[in-house]
Amino acid sequence: MKKEFNKIYIVSTNDNIEKIAKKYNQNPTKILILNSLTPNMIKKGQILIIDN
């Protein structure tokens, strides 16, 4: 049985949710919901969960 794990991403300077979503080919809203965030809550050094 193959197990898949979510990825994590550490937010860098000048990152925004659209850039992060594009990097992982994800929907920005999906990332925000998965992390219980709003776009203005993204801060440098924050750890985000990225769904597979």
PDB file of N, CA and C in Angstrom:
ATOM      1  N   MET A   1       0.847  -1.184   0.000  1.00  0.00           N
ATOM      2  CA  MET A   1       0.000   0.000   0.000  1.00  0.00           C
ATOM      3  C   MET A   1       0.886   1.239   0.000  1.00  0.00           C
ATOM      4  N   LYS A   2       0.656   2.121  -0.941  1.00  0.00           N
ATOM      5  CA  LYS A   2       1.438   3.347  -1.048  1.00  0.00           C
ATOM      6  C   LYS A   2       0.826   4.434  -0.174  1.00  0.00           C
ATOM      7  N   LYS A   3       1.670   5.054   0.642  1.00  0.00           N
ATOM      8  CA  LYS A   3       1.201   6.164   1.469  1.00  0.00           C
ATOM      9  C   LYS A   3       1.697   7.467   0.866  1.00  0.00           C
ATOM     10  N   GLU A   4       0.830   8.442   0.834  1.00  0.00           N
ATOM     11  CA  GLU A   4       1.209   9.766   0.361  1.00  0.00           C
ATOM     12  C   GLU A   4       1.083  10.738   1.512  1.00  0.00           C
ATOM     13  N   PHE A   5       2.074  11.589   1.622  1.00  0.00           N
ATOM     14  CA  PHE A   5       2.096  12.571   2.684  1.00  0.00           C
ATOM     15  C   PHE A   5       1.986  13.967   2.099  1.00  0.00           C
ATOM     16  N   ASN A   6       1.394  14.853   2.867  1.00  0.00           N
ATOM     17  CA  ASN A   6       1.328  16.246   2.457  1.00  0.00           C
ATOM     18  C   ASN A   6       2.723  16.845   2.492  1.00  0.00           C
ATOM     19  N   LYS A   7       2.908  17.872   1.693  1.00  0.00           N
ATOM     20  CA  LYS A   7       4.169  18.613   1.691  1.00  0.00           C
ATOM     21  C   LYS A   7       4.043  19.772   2.672  1.00  0.00           C
ATOM     22  N   ILE A   8       5.195  20.293   3.096  1.00  0.00           N
ATOM     23  CA  ILE A   8       5.171  21.533   3.864  1.00  0.00           C
ATOM     24  C   ILE A   8       5.966  22.579   3.103  1.00  0.00           C
ATOM     25  N   TYR A   9       5.621  23.811   3.319  1.00  0.00           N
ATOM     26  CA  TYR A   9       6.312  24.924   2.674  1.00  0.00           C
ATOM     27  C   TYR A   9       6.531  26.007   3.729  1.00  0.00           C
ATOM     28  N   ILE A  10       7.745  26.527   3.781  1.00  0.00           N
ATOM     29  CA  ILE A  10       8.053  27.622   4.693  1.00  0.00           C
ATOM     30  C   ILE A  10       8.025  28.914   3.883  1.00  0.00           C
ATOM     31  N   VAL A  11       7.170  29.824   4.291  1.00  0.00           N
ATOM     32  CA  VAL A  11       6.949  31.071   3.575  1.00  0.00           C
ATOM     33  C   VAL A  11       8.220  31.930   3.611  1.00  0.00           C
ATOM     34  N   SER A  12       8.596  32.445   2.436  1.00  0.00           N
ATOM     35  CA  SER A  12       9.771  33.306   2.283  1.00  0.00           C
ATOM     36  C   SER A  12       9.342  34.761   2.093  1.00  0.00           C
ATOM     37  N   THR A  13      10.323  35.644   2.144  1.00  0.00           N
ATOM     38  CA  THR A  13      10.077  37.065   1.882  1.00  0.00           C
ATOM     39  C   THR A  13       9.452  37.223   0.496  1.00  0.00           C
ATOM     40  N   ASN A  14       8.492  38.103   0.392  1.00  0.00           N
ATOM     41  CA  ASN A  14       7.791  38.422  -0.868  1.00  0.00           C
ATOM     42  C   ASN A  14       6.904  37.295  -1.391  1.00  0.00           C
ATOM     43  N   ASP A  15       6.687  36.242  -0.630  1.00  0.00           N
ATOM     44  CA  ASP A  15       5.740  35.198  -1.035  1.00  0.00           C
ATOM     45  C   ASP A  15       4.316  35.690  -0.838  1.00  0.00           C
ATOM     46  N   ASN A  16       3.436  35.192  -1.666  1.00  0.00           N
ATOM     47  CA  ASN A  16       2.005  35.372  -1.438  1.00  0.00           C
ATOM     48  C   ASN A  16       1.328  34.058  -1.820  1.00  0.00           C
ATOM     49  N   ILE A  17       0.078  33.945  -1.494  1.00  0.00           N
ATOM     50  CA  ILE A  17      -0.610  32.669  -1.668  1.00  0.00           C
ATOM     51  C   ILE A  17      -0.692  32.259  -3.141  1.00  0.00           C
ATOM     52  N   GLU A  18      -0.790  33.233  -4.035  1.00  0.00           N
ATOM     53  CA  GLU A  18      -0.852  32.906  -5.460  1.00  0.00           C
ATOM     54  C   GLU A  18       0.469  32.314  -5.951  1.00  0.00           C
ATOM     55  N   LYS A  19       1.600  32.882  -5.537  1.00  0.00           N
ATOM     56  CA  LYS A  19       2.918  32.365  -5.930  1.00  0.00           C
ATOM     57  C   LYS A  19       3.125  30.951  -5.397  1.00  0.00           C
ATOM     58  N   ILE A  20       2.760  30.743  -4.152  1.00  0.00           N
ATOM     59  CA  ILE A  20       2.932  29.427  -3.527  1.00  0.00           C
ATOM     60  C   ILE A  20       2.049  28.397  -4.228  1.00  0.00           C
ATOM     61  N   ALA A  21       0.810  28.747  -4.491  1.00  0.00           N
ATOM     62  CA  ALA A  21      -0.124  27.832  -5.157  1.00  0.00           C
ATOM     63  C   ALA A  21       0.377  27.474  -6.554  1.00  0.00           C
ATOM     64  N   LYS A  22       0.878  28.449  -7.287  1.00  0.00           N
ATOM     65  CA  LYS A  22       1.390  28.190  -8.634  1.00  0.00           C
ATOM     66  C   LYS A  22       2.583  27.239  -8.589  1.00  0.00           C
ATOM     67  N   LYS A  23       3.473  27.438  -7.608  1.00  0.00           N
ATOM     68  CA  LYS A  23       4.663  26.592  -7.468  1.00  0.00           C
ATOM     69  C   LYS A  23       4.283  25.119  -7.301  1.00  0.00           C
ATOM     70  N   TYR A  24       3.193  24.858  -6.585  1.00  0.00           N
ATOM     71  CA  TYR A  24       2.761  23.483  -6.300  1.00  0.00           C
ATOM     72  C   TYR A  24       1.564  23.046  -7.136  1.00  0.00           C
ATOM     73  N   ASN A  25       1.193  23.865  -8.125  1.00  0.00           N
ATOM     74  CA  ASN A  25       0.055  23.552  -8.991  1.00  0.00           C
ATOM     75  C   ASN A  25      -1.209  23.266  -8.168  1.00  0.00           C
ATOM     76  N   GLN A  26      -1.479  24.157  -7.230  1.00  0.00           N
ATOM     77  CA  GLN A  26      -2.629  24.018  -6.333  1.00  0.00           C
ATOM     78  C   GLN A  26      -3.531  25.245  -6.448  1.00  0.00           C
ATOM     79  N   ASN A  27      -4.738  25.094  -5.989  1.00  0.00           N
ATOM     80  CA  ASN A  27      -5.671  26.203  -5.899  1.00  0.00           C
ATOM     81  C   ASN A  27      -5.339  26.997  -4.638  1.00  0.00           C
ATOM     82  N   PRO A  28      -5.149  28.327  -4.736  1.00  0.00           N
ATOM     83  CA  PRO A  28      -4.821  29.131  -3.552  1.00  0.00           C
ATOM     84  C   PRO A  28      -5.837  28.983  -2.420  1.00  0.00           C
ATOM     85  N   THR A  29      -7.108  28.928  -2.773  1.00  0.00           N
ATOM     86  CA  THR A  29      -8.152  28.798  -1.756  1.00  0.00           C
ATOM     87  C   THR A  29      -8.019  27.481  -1.000  1.00  0.00           C
ATOM     88  N   LYS A  30      -7.673  26.415  -1.700  1.00  0.00           N
ATOM     89  CA  LYS A  30      -7.505  25.109  -1.070  1.00  0.00           C
ATOM     90  C   LYS A  30      -6.379  25.153  -0.033  1.00  0.00           C
ATOM     91  N   ILE A  31      -5.269  25.813  -0.357  1.00  0.00           N
ATOM     92  CA  ILE A  31      -4.159  25.947   0.592  1.00  0.00           C
ATOM     93  C   ILE A  31      -4.596  26.749   1.809  1.00  0.00           C
ATOM     94  N   LEU A  32      -5.309  27.837   1.577  1.00  0.00           N
ATOM     95  CA  LEU A  32      -5.778  28.669   2.695  1.00  0.00           C
ATOM     96  C   LEU A  32      -6.716  27.879   3.611  1.00  0.00           C
ATOM     97  N   ILE A  33      -7.649  27.150   3.034  1.00  0.00           N
ATOM     98  CA  ILE A  33      -8.603  26.369   3.838  1.00  0.00           C
ATOM     99  C   ILE A  33      -7.882  25.279   4.622  1.00  0.00           C
ATOM    100  N   LEU A  34      -6.967  24.571   3.963  1.00  0.00           N
ATOM    101  CA  LEU A  34      -6.225  23.496   4.613  1.00  0.00           C
ATOM    102  C   LEU A  34      -5.443  24.004   5.821  1.00  0.00           C
ATOM    103  N   ASN A  35      -4.998  25.268   5.749  1.00  0.00           N
ATOM    104  CA  ASN A  35      -4.195  25.851   6.823  1.00  0.00           C
ATOM    105  C   ASN A  35      -4.995  26.806   7.720  1.00  0.00           C
ATOM    106  N   SER A  36      -6.308  26.876   7.509  1.00  0.00           N
ATOM    107  CA  SER A  36      -7.200  27.750   8.290  1.00  0.00           C
ATOM    108  C   SER A  36      -6.705  29.190   8.308  1.00  0.00           C
ATOM    109  N   LEU A  37      -6.431  29.723   7.107  1.00  0.00           N
ATOM    110  CA  LEU A  37      -5.879  31.068   6.977  1.00  0.00           C
ATOM    111  C   LEU A  37      -6.696  31.915   6.019  1.00  0.00           C
ATOM    112  N   THR A  38      -6.420  33.218   6.055  1.00  0.00           N
ATOM    113  CA  THR A  38      -6.878  34.143   5.032  1.00  0.00           C
ATOM    114  C   THR A  38      -5.620  34.690   4.352  1.00  0.00           C
ATOM    115  N   PRO A  39      -5.741  35.251   3.149  1.00  0.00           N
ATOM    116  CA  PRO A  39      -4.541  35.704   2.428  1.00  0.00           C
ATOM    117  C   PRO A  39      -3.648  36.667   3.208  1.00  0.00           C
ATOM    118  N   ASN A  40      -4.235  37.534   4.001  1.00  0.00           N
ATOM    119  CA  ASN A  40      -3.419  38.510   4.732  1.00  0.00           C
ATOM    120  C   ASN A  40      -2.752  37.920   5.973  1.00  0.00           C
ATOM    121  N   MET A  41      -2.954  36.644   6.239  1.00  0.00           N
ATOM    122  CA  MET A  41      -2.337  35.992   7.398  1.00  0.00           C
ATOM    123  C   MET A  41      -1.026  35.294   7.040  1.00  0.00           C
ATOM    124  N   ILE A  42      -0.622  35.317   5.756  1.00  0.00           N
ATOM    125  CA  ILE A  42       0.607  34.653   5.320  1.00  0.00           C
ATOM    126  C   ILE A  42       1.801  35.521   5.719  1.00  0.00           C
ATOM    127  N   LYS A  43       2.713  34.945   6.508  1.00  0.00           N
ATOM    128  CA  LYS A  43       3.877  35.685   7.015  1.00  0.00           C
ATOM    129  C   LYS A  43       5.167  34.904   6.778  1.00  0.00           C
ATOM    130  N   LYS A  44       6.266  35.613   6.590  1.00  0.00           N
ATOM    131  CA  LYS A  44       7.583  34.997   6.410  1.00  0.00           C
ATOM    132  C   LYS A  44       7.884  34.061   7.587  1.00  0.00           C
ATOM    133  N   GLY A  45       8.399  32.862   7.276  1.00  0.00           N
ATOM    134  CA  GLY A  45       8.746  31.885   8.289  1.00  0.00           C
ATOM    135  C   GLY A  45       7.607  30.949   8.678  1.00  0.00           C
ATOM    136  N   GLN A  46       6.408  31.257   8.229  1.00  0.00           N
ATOM    137  CA  GLN A  46       5.253  30.422   8.546  1.00  0.00           C
ATOM    138  C   GLN A  46       5.324  29.103   7.787  1.00  0.00           C
ATOM    139  N   ILE A  47       4.889  28.035   8.421  1.00  0.00           N
ATOM    140  CA  ILE A  47       4.863  26.724   7.794  1.00  0.00           C
ATOM    141  C   ILE A  47       3.458  26.455   7.264  1.00  0.00           C
ATOM    142  N   LEU A  48       3.370  26.135   5.983  1.00  0.00           N
ATOM    143  CA  LEU A  48       2.093  25.814   5.364  1.00  0.00           C
ATOM    144  C   LEU A  48       2.062  24.348   4.968  1.00  0.00           C
ATOM    145  N   ILE A  49       0.901  23.740   5.080  1.00  0.00           N
ATOM    146  CA  ILE A  49       0.689  22.389   4.591  1.00  0.00           C
ATOM    147  C   ILE A  49       0.163  22.497   3.162  1.00  0.00           C
ATOM    148  N   ILE A  50       0.794  21.735   2.263  1.00  0.00           N
ATOM    149  CA  ILE A  50       0.384  21.711   0.858  1.00  0.00           C
ATOM    150  C   ILE A  50      -0.121  20.304   0.564  1.00  0.00           C
ATOM    151  N   ASP A  51      -1.368  20.205   0.120  1.00  0.00           N
ATOM    152  CA  ASP A  51      -1.975  18.907  -0.170  1.00  0.00           C
ATOM    153  C   ASP A  51      -1.333  18.284  -1.412  1.00  0.00           C
ATOM    154  N   ASN A  52      -1.304  16.969  -1.458  1.00  0.00           N
ATOM    155  CA  ASN A  52      -0.760  16.260  -2.634  1.00  0.00           C
ATOM    156  C   ASN A  52      -1.725  16.301  -3.785  1.00  0.00           C
TER     157      ASN A  52
END
